[in-house]
């Protein structure tokens, strides 16, 4: 029987409330917002095609997650893991030297804008969305990743996971044990996946932005943990320790009013978009930076030097020389709609050079 408009309207009404939750699920599996959005769309297409056969024996939420998980597993058969630079080698020992050329043939991990999620999802699931943990999940084989997420994040029972994967309850338990053991080997320190502190995080973010904008290296020094890490995909180099991080930043120049930073949030963490002022006075977007804040200090800075990510967070690539942060945010609101609707296939594109130095 052909589907009617009423059938489609009912399907949309019943399933659309789960769309953002499914995006978070696919993002955990893939480590890419671009690919997660594509796979959520594929999930809904598959769900619509099989909607006539849905008998309600499982909740609609569970049914959609089954389809999404199988869609992700199929996609992962032909995809490499998405790393951060710290997952590919030891920290650089030459913070004052020029960075090598960006590596554009690596499918880098992407940050997830909080604005793409329901506020409730950000609050209840932010621990499982934090950047360091999503990066660690990328070290797991696809089925181990799926089992760990279904059991430890979505709290599915072993028989439910076994039914989805077409395997036994014992096999699920064994896979989960291996996944947890592997995650213990590659996961960051426990402090890096603790729950955010809300207002305290925002205070640290404000002070971090002010230190950059006023070229106050002493203030920045006071914000960084001793073992702070800085990484900047698509560059392979990354740095560990307050001394090397500060040497790197100082060597890039920090003149008064050179930088403008606008606050945002990613992966349930404080984040910002950095702009660098050129000789023509124009502020050009440089990066999206995600901060890991522990105990009121910055433990990690992950700077995504990728203008596509700036657009995804709803910020313009260029601000005029007289623009104030409020003007840019107002522009970002109107820009957000187009940022959310990216061009398919964009995830493999090389970042556009800013020509403005910044952290490079």
Protein backbone atom coordinates (compact mmCIF):
# COMPACT_ATOMS: atom_id res chain seq x y z
CA UNK A 1 0.00 0.00 0.00
CA UNK A 2 1.36 3.39 -0.97
CA UNK A 3 2.27 5.72 1.88
CA UNK A 4 -0.08 8.65 2.36
CA UNK A 5 0.65 12.19 3.42
CA UNK A 6 -0.96 11.34 6.76
CA UNK A 7 1.47 8.42 7.18
CA UNK A 8 4.43 10.67 6.47
CA UNK A 9 3.16 13.35 8.83
CA UNK A 10 2.74 10.76 11.58
CA UNK A 11 6.22 9.37 10.97
CA UNK A 12 7.79 12.83 11.18
CA UNK A 13 5.80 13.74 14.30
CA UNK A 14 6.79 10.56 16.12
CA UNK A 15 10.42 10.27 15.05
CA UNK A 16 11.67 13.84 14.73
CA UNK A 17 12.10 14.36 18.52
CA UNK A 18 14.92 11.76 18.42
CA UNK A 19 16.90 13.38 15.61
CA UNK A 20 19.40 15.28 17.77
CA UNK A 21 19.86 12.34 20.11
CA UNK A 22 20.64 10.16 17.09
CA UNK A 23 23.12 12.78 15.88
CA UNK A 24 24.99 12.48 19.19
CA UNK A 25 24.96 8.67 18.87
CA UNK A 26 26.32 8.71 15.32
CA UNK A 27 28.92 11.32 16.29
CA UNK A 28 30.24 9.07 19.06
CA UNK A 29 30.53 6.24 16.56
CA UNK A 30 32.12 8.27 13.73
CA UNK A 31 33.91 11.21 15.38
CA UNK A 32 32.66 13.45 12.56
CA UNK A 33 29.73 15.85 12.58
CA UNK A 34 29.66 15.86 8.79
CA UNK A 35 29.35 12.09 8.55
CA UNK A 36 27.03 11.85 11.55
CA UNK A 37 24.55 14.19 9.87
CA UNK A 38 24.67 12.13 6.70
CA UNK A 39 24.09 8.90 8.62
CA UNK A 40 21.21 10.35 10.63
CA UNK A 41 19.59 11.23 7.32
CA UNK A 42 20.23 7.68 6.08
CA UNK A 43 18.77 6.33 9.32
CA UNK A 44 15.54 8.24 8.75
CA UNK A 45 15.33 7.05 5.15
CA UNK A 46 15.74 3.44 6.27
CA UNK A 47 13.27 3.91 9.08
CA UNK A 48 10.65 5.39 6.74
CA UNK A 49 11.05 2.53 4.25
CA UNK A 50 10.48 -0.04 7.01
CA UNK A 51 7.94 1.94 9.04
CA UNK A 52 5.03 -0.24 7.87
CA UNK A 53 6.75 -3.20 9.55
CA UNK A 54 7.30 -1.48 12.89
CA UNK A 55 5.08 -3.34 15.34
CA UNK A 56 5.95 -1.51 18.55
CA UNK A 57 7.57 -4.47 20.28
CA UNK A 58 10.48 -2.16 21.08
CA UNK A 59 10.16 1.53 21.82
CA UNK A 60 10.47 3.87 18.87
CA UNK A 61 13.66 5.27 20.40
CA UNK A 62 15.23 1.81 20.62
CA UNK A 63 14.10 0.95 17.08
CA UNK A 64 15.69 4.12 15.67
CA UNK A 65 18.93 3.51 17.58
CA UNK A 66 19.08 -0.01 16.15
CA UNK A 67 18.83 1.36 12.64
CA UNK A 68 21.34 4.13 13.35
CA UNK A 69 23.86 1.70 14.88
CA UNK A 70 23.66 -0.66 11.90
CA UNK A 71 23.99 2.31 9.54
CA UNK A 72 27.14 3.45 11.38
CA UNK A 73 28.63 -0.05 11.40
CA UNK A 74 28.14 -0.34 7.66
CA UNK A 75 29.74 3.07 7.12
CA UNK A 76 32.71 2.23 9.33
CA UNK A 77 33.60 -0.76 7.15
CA UNK A 78 35.13 1.68 4.65
CA UNK A 79 36.35 4.44 6.96
CA UNK A 80 39.55 4.94 8.92
CA UNK A 81 39.50 6.15 12.50
CA UNK A 82 39.49 9.90 13.10
CA UNK A 83 42.46 10.86 15.30
CA UNK A 84 43.77 13.96 16.96
CA UNK A 85 47.50 14.73 16.56
CA UNK A 86 48.21 13.43 20.08
CA UNK A 87 46.93 10.03 18.95
CA UNK A 88 49.49 9.77 16.15
CA UNK A 89 52.82 10.41 17.84
CA UNK A 90 54.87 11.95 20.63
CA UNK A 91 54.75 15.68 21.42
CA UNK A 92 57.03 17.99 19.47
CA UNK A 93 60.21 19.16 21.17
CA UNK A 94 60.68 22.25 18.99
CA UNK A 95 58.01 24.78 19.99
CA UNK A 96 59.80 27.76 18.44
CA UNK A 97 60.26 26.22 15.00
CA UNK A 98 57.86 26.70 12.11
CA UNK A 99 55.11 24.13 11.82
CA UNK A 100 55.21 21.71 8.94
CA UNK A 101 52.56 21.89 6.25
CA UNK A 102 49.03 20.85 7.30
CA UNK A 103 48.23 17.17 6.80
CA UNK A 104 45.08 17.14 4.73
CA UNK A 105 44.84 13.43 3.89
CA UNK A 106 44.03 12.42 7.48
CA UNK A 107 40.30 12.35 8.39
CA UNK A 108 40.69 14.39 11.58
CA UNK A 109 38.30 14.22 14.50
CA UNK A 110 35.79 17.08 14.43
CA UNK A 111 34.28 19.09 17.31
CA UNK A 112 30.53 18.88 17.93
CA UNK A 113 28.74 22.23 18.44
CA UNK A 114 26.47 22.12 21.48
CA UNK A 115 23.97 24.11 19.42
CA UNK A 116 23.25 21.00 17.33
CA UNK A 117 22.01 19.11 20.40
CA UNK A 118 19.06 19.49 22.71
CA UNK A 119 20.11 21.21 25.95
CA UNK A 120 18.91 18.13 27.86
CA UNK A 121 21.22 15.92 25.81
CA UNK A 122 24.17 18.20 26.51
CA UNK A 123 23.49 18.04 30.25
CA UNK A 124 22.77 14.32 30.58
CA UNK A 125 25.25 12.95 28.04
CA UNK A 126 28.07 15.51 28.02
CA UNK A 127 30.48 13.14 29.75
CA UNK A 128 30.20 10.75 26.80
CA UNK A 129 30.56 13.57 24.27
CA UNK A 130 33.71 15.18 25.64
CA UNK A 131 36.38 15.55 23.00
CA UNK A 132 39.04 13.44 24.72
CA UNK A 133 36.67 10.51 25.22
CA UNK A 134 35.34 10.60 21.65
CA UNK A 135 38.97 10.57 20.47
CA UNK A 136 39.67 7.56 22.68
CA UNK A 137 36.63 5.72 21.29
CA UNK A 138 38.20 5.99 17.85
CA UNK A 139 40.85 3.47 18.93
CA UNK A 140 38.23 0.74 19.29
CA UNK A 141 37.18 -1.57 16.44
CA UNK A 142 33.72 -0.68 15.16
CA UNK A 143 31.80 -3.49 16.91
CA UNK A 144 33.59 -2.89 20.20
CA UNK A 145 32.78 0.79 19.89
CA UNK A 146 29.12 0.00 19.26
CA UNK A 147 28.87 -2.41 22.18
CA UNK A 148 30.56 0.00 24.58
CA UNK A 149 28.32 2.91 23.57
CA UNK A 150 25.13 0.86 23.67
CA UNK A 151 25.93 -0.68 27.06
CA UNK A 152 27.77 2.08 28.92
CA UNK A 153 26.24 5.22 27.37
CA UNK A 154 22.73 4.22 26.34
CA UNK A 155 22.41 1.62 29.13
CA UNK A 156 21.08 -1.16 26.91
CA UNK A 157 20.92 -4.65 28.38
CA UNK A 158 23.25 -7.30 26.96
CA UNK A 159 20.39 -9.30 25.35
CA UNK A 160 19.24 -6.15 23.51
CA UNK A 161 22.73 -5.55 22.14
CA UNK A 162 23.07 -9.21 21.19
CA UNK A 163 19.79 -9.08 19.27
CA UNK A 164 20.91 -5.97 17.37
CA UNK A 165 24.30 -7.42 16.43
CA UNK A 166 23.03 -10.94 15.74
CA UNK A 167 25.28 -12.52 18.31
CA UNK A 168 25.08 -14.18 21.72
CA UNK A 169 24.79 -12.59 25.13
CA UNK A 170 28.14 -14.14 26.09
CA UNK A 171 29.79 -12.65 23.01
CA UNK A 172 28.47 -9.20 23.92
CA UNK A 173 29.89 -9.46 27.43
CA UNK A 174 33.25 -10.59 26.08
CA UNK A 175 33.32 -7.75 23.53
CA UNK A 176 32.44 -5.24 26.23
CA UNK A 177 35.29 -6.46 28.44
CA UNK A 178 37.78 -6.10 25.58
CA UNK A 179 36.44 -2.64 24.73
CA UNK A 180 36.73 -1.43 28.30
CA UNK A 181 40.25 -2.82 28.61
CA UNK A 182 41.33 -1.13 25.39
CA UNK A 183 39.73 2.16 26.43
CA UNK A 184 41.65 2.02 29.71
CA UNK A 185 44.87 1.79 27.67
CA UNK A 186 44.19 4.72 25.34
CA UNK A 187 41.82 6.94 27.33
CA UNK A 188 43.14 10.21 28.79
CA UNK A 189 43.65 10.78 32.47
CA UNK A 190 40.44 10.53 34.48
CA UNK A 191 40.55 14.26 35.10
CA UNK A 192 40.06 14.89 31.38
CA UNK A 193 36.62 13.26 31.27
CA UNK A 194 35.13 14.66 34.47
CA UNK A 195 31.88 16.58 34.28
CA UNK A 196 32.23 20.30 33.47
CA UNK A 197 31.78 22.84 36.24
CA UNK A 198 29.46 25.26 34.42
CA UNK A 199 30.01 28.82 35.68
CA UNK A 200 33.60 28.06 36.68
CA UNK A 201 34.33 26.87 33.14
CA UNK A 202 32.91 30.08 31.68
CA UNK A 203 35.06 32.16 34.02
CA UNK A 204 38.18 30.34 32.83
CA UNK A 205 37.09 30.81 29.21
CA UNK A 206 36.57 34.55 29.75
CA UNK A 207 39.99 34.92 31.34
CA UNK A 208 41.64 32.87 28.59
CA UNK A 209 40.08 35.04 25.87
CA UNK A 210 41.02 38.25 27.69
CA UNK A 211 44.63 37.09 28.07
CA UNK A 212 44.92 36.55 24.32
CA UNK A 213 43.15 39.76 23.33
CA UNK A 214 45.28 41.89 25.68
CA UNK A 215 48.52 40.02 24.94
CA UNK A 216 48.81 39.25 28.66
CA UNK A 217 51.13 36.24 28.74
CA UNK A 218 51.44 36.37 32.52
CA UNK A 219 47.68 35.97 32.85
CA UNK A 220 47.77 33.11 30.36
CA UNK A 221 50.59 31.49 32.32
CA UNK A 222 48.41 31.50 35.43
CA UNK A 223 45.57 29.75 33.61
CA UNK A 224 47.53 26.79 32.25
CA UNK A 225 48.16 23.56 34.10
CA UNK A 226 51.74 22.38 34.34
CA UNK A 227 51.06 19.49 31.97
CA UNK A 228 48.83 21.43 29.59
CA UNK A 229 48.59 20.07 26.05
CA UNK A 230 48.10 22.03 22.82
CA UNK A 231 47.21 20.40 19.52
CA UNK A 232 46.14 21.98 16.24
CA UNK A 233 44.75 19.65 13.60
CA UNK A 234 45.47 19.48 10.67
CA UNK A 235 49.06 20.01 11.92
CA UNK A 236 50.80 16.91 13.24
CA UNK A 237 52.84 18.81 15.82
CA UNK A 238 51.45 19.07 19.32
CA UNK A 239 52.99 20.29 22.57
CA UNK A 240 52.90 19.20 26.19
CA UNK A 241 53.87 21.21 29.25
CA UNK A 242 53.42 24.83 30.19
CA UNK A 243 56.94 25.78 29.11
CA UNK A 244 56.66 24.44 25.55
CA UNK A 245 53.10 25.67 25.05
CA UNK A 246 54.05 29.20 26.11
CA UNK A 247 57.21 29.15 23.98
CA UNK A 248 55.11 28.17 20.99
CA UNK A 249 52.53 30.90 21.62
CA UNK A 250 55.14 33.60 22.27
CA UNK A 251 56.99 32.71 19.07
CA UNK A 252 53.80 33.40 17.07
CA UNK A 253 53.51 36.98 18.31
CA UNK A 254 50.86 38.41 20.61
CA UNK A 255 50.44 42.10 19.90
CA UNK A 256 47.73 44.11 21.61
CA UNK A 257 44.41 43.89 19.76
CA UNK A 258 45.74 41.30 17.29
CA UNK A 259 43.22 38.65 18.31
CA UNK A 260 39.48 38.68 18.77
CA UNK A 261 37.76 35.72 20.40
CA UNK A 262 34.08 34.85 20.57
CA UNK A 263 32.71 32.29 23.05
CA UNK A 264 30.80 29.16 22.12
CA UNK A 265 30.53 25.56 23.35
CA UNK A 266 31.55 22.22 21.87
CA UNK A 267 31.28 18.66 23.15
CA UNK A 268 29.79 19.99 26.38
CA UNK A 269 32.98 22.03 26.96
CA UNK A 270 33.89 25.72 26.81
CA UNK A 271 35.07 26.73 23.36
CA UNK A 272 35.79 29.83 21.27
CA UNK A 273 36.29 31.02 17.73
CA UNK A 274 39.56 32.88 17.20
CA UNK A 275 39.96 35.75 14.72
CA UNK A 276 43.32 37.24 13.71
CA UNK A 277 43.66 40.84 12.56
CA UNK A 278 45.53 41.32 9.31
CA UNK A 279 47.57 44.31 8.15
CA UNK A 280 44.41 45.65 6.50
CA UNK A 281 42.64 45.72 9.86
CA UNK A 282 40.26 42.93 8.87
CA UNK A 283 39.60 40.15 11.37
CA UNK A 284 39.70 36.75 9.69
CA UNK A 285 38.63 33.50 11.31
CA UNK A 286 41.52 31.27 12.30
CA UNK A 287 40.26 28.36 14.39
CA UNK A 288 37.71 26.81 16.71
CA UNK A 289 39.35 26.07 20.05
CA UNK A 290 37.94 23.62 22.57
CA UNK A 291 39.23 23.90 26.15
CA UNK A 292 39.43 21.14 28.71
CA UNK A 293 39.12 22.80 32.11
CA UNK A 294 40.08 20.92 35.26
CA UNK A 295 40.09 22.48 38.72
CA UNK A 296 39.82 26.01 37.37
CA UNK A 297 42.78 25.71 34.99
CA UNK A 298 43.22 24.75 31.34
CA UNK A 299 44.44 21.18 30.89
CA UNK A 300 44.15 20.96 27.10
CA UNK A 301 43.67 23.30 24.14
CA UNK A 302 42.47 21.70 20.91
CA UNK A 303 42.54 24.26 18.11
CA UNK A 304 40.78 23.11 14.94
CA UNK A 305 42.32 25.21 12.16
CA UNK A 306 39.51 24.61 9.71
CA UNK A 307 37.27 27.34 8.36
CA UNK A 308 34.51 24.84 7.62
CA UNK A 309 34.25 24.27 11.37
CA UNK A 310 33.98 28.03 11.98
CA UNK A 311 30.96 28.09 9.69
CA UNK A 312 29.44 25.05 11.35
CA UNK A 313 29.51 26.87 14.68
CA UNK A 314 27.54 29.69 13.08
CA UNK A 315 30.26 32.35 12.92
CA UNK A 316 31.34 34.43 9.92
CA UNK A 317 34.73 33.91 8.35
CA UNK A 318 35.48 37.63 8.18
CA UNK A 319 34.66 40.60 10.40
CA UNK A 320 35.22 44.20 9.35
CA UNK A 321 37.86 46.22 11.17
CA UNK A 322 35.23 48.08 13.19
CA UNK A 323 33.15 45.05 14.14
CA UNK A 324 32.59 44.34 17.82
CA UNK A 325 31.98 40.86 19.26
CA UNK A 326 28.27 41.58 19.57
CA UNK A 327 28.10 42.46 15.87
CA UNK A 328 29.75 39.17 14.95
CA UNK A 329 27.41 37.18 17.17
CA UNK A 330 24.41 38.93 15.63
CA UNK A 331 25.76 38.03 12.22
CA UNK A 332 26.37 34.50 13.39
CA UNK A 333 22.72 34.10 14.34
CA UNK A 334 21.59 34.89 10.81
CA UNK A 335 24.45 32.79 9.44
CA UNK A 336 23.63 29.77 11.60
CA UNK A 337 20.95 28.47 9.29
CA UNK A 338 23.34 28.20 6.35
CA UNK A 339 26.09 26.82 8.58
CA UNK A 340 23.86 23.96 9.64
CA UNK A 341 23.20 22.95 6.07
CA UNK A 342 26.64 22.04 4.76
CA UNK A 343 27.60 20.92 1.31
CA UNK A 344 27.84 17.09 1.10
CA UNK A 345 31.36 15.76 0.91
CA UNK A 346 32.87 18.76 2.63
CA UNK A 347 34.57 16.70 5.35
CA UNK A 348 37.46 15.78 3.08
CA UNK A 349 38.24 19.32 1.99
CA UNK A 350 41.46 21.03 2.96
CA UNK A 351 41.27 23.95 5.37
CA UNK A 352 41.56 27.31 3.65
CA UNK A 353 44.63 29.32 4.69
CA UNK A 354 43.93 32.43 6.68
CA UNK A 355 47.20 34.09 5.76
CA UNK A 356 47.20 35.67 9.22
CA UNK A 357 49.61 33.56 11.22
CA UNK A 358 47.79 32.94 14.48
CA UNK A 359 48.75 29.63 16.06
CA UNK A 360 50.40 28.39 12.89
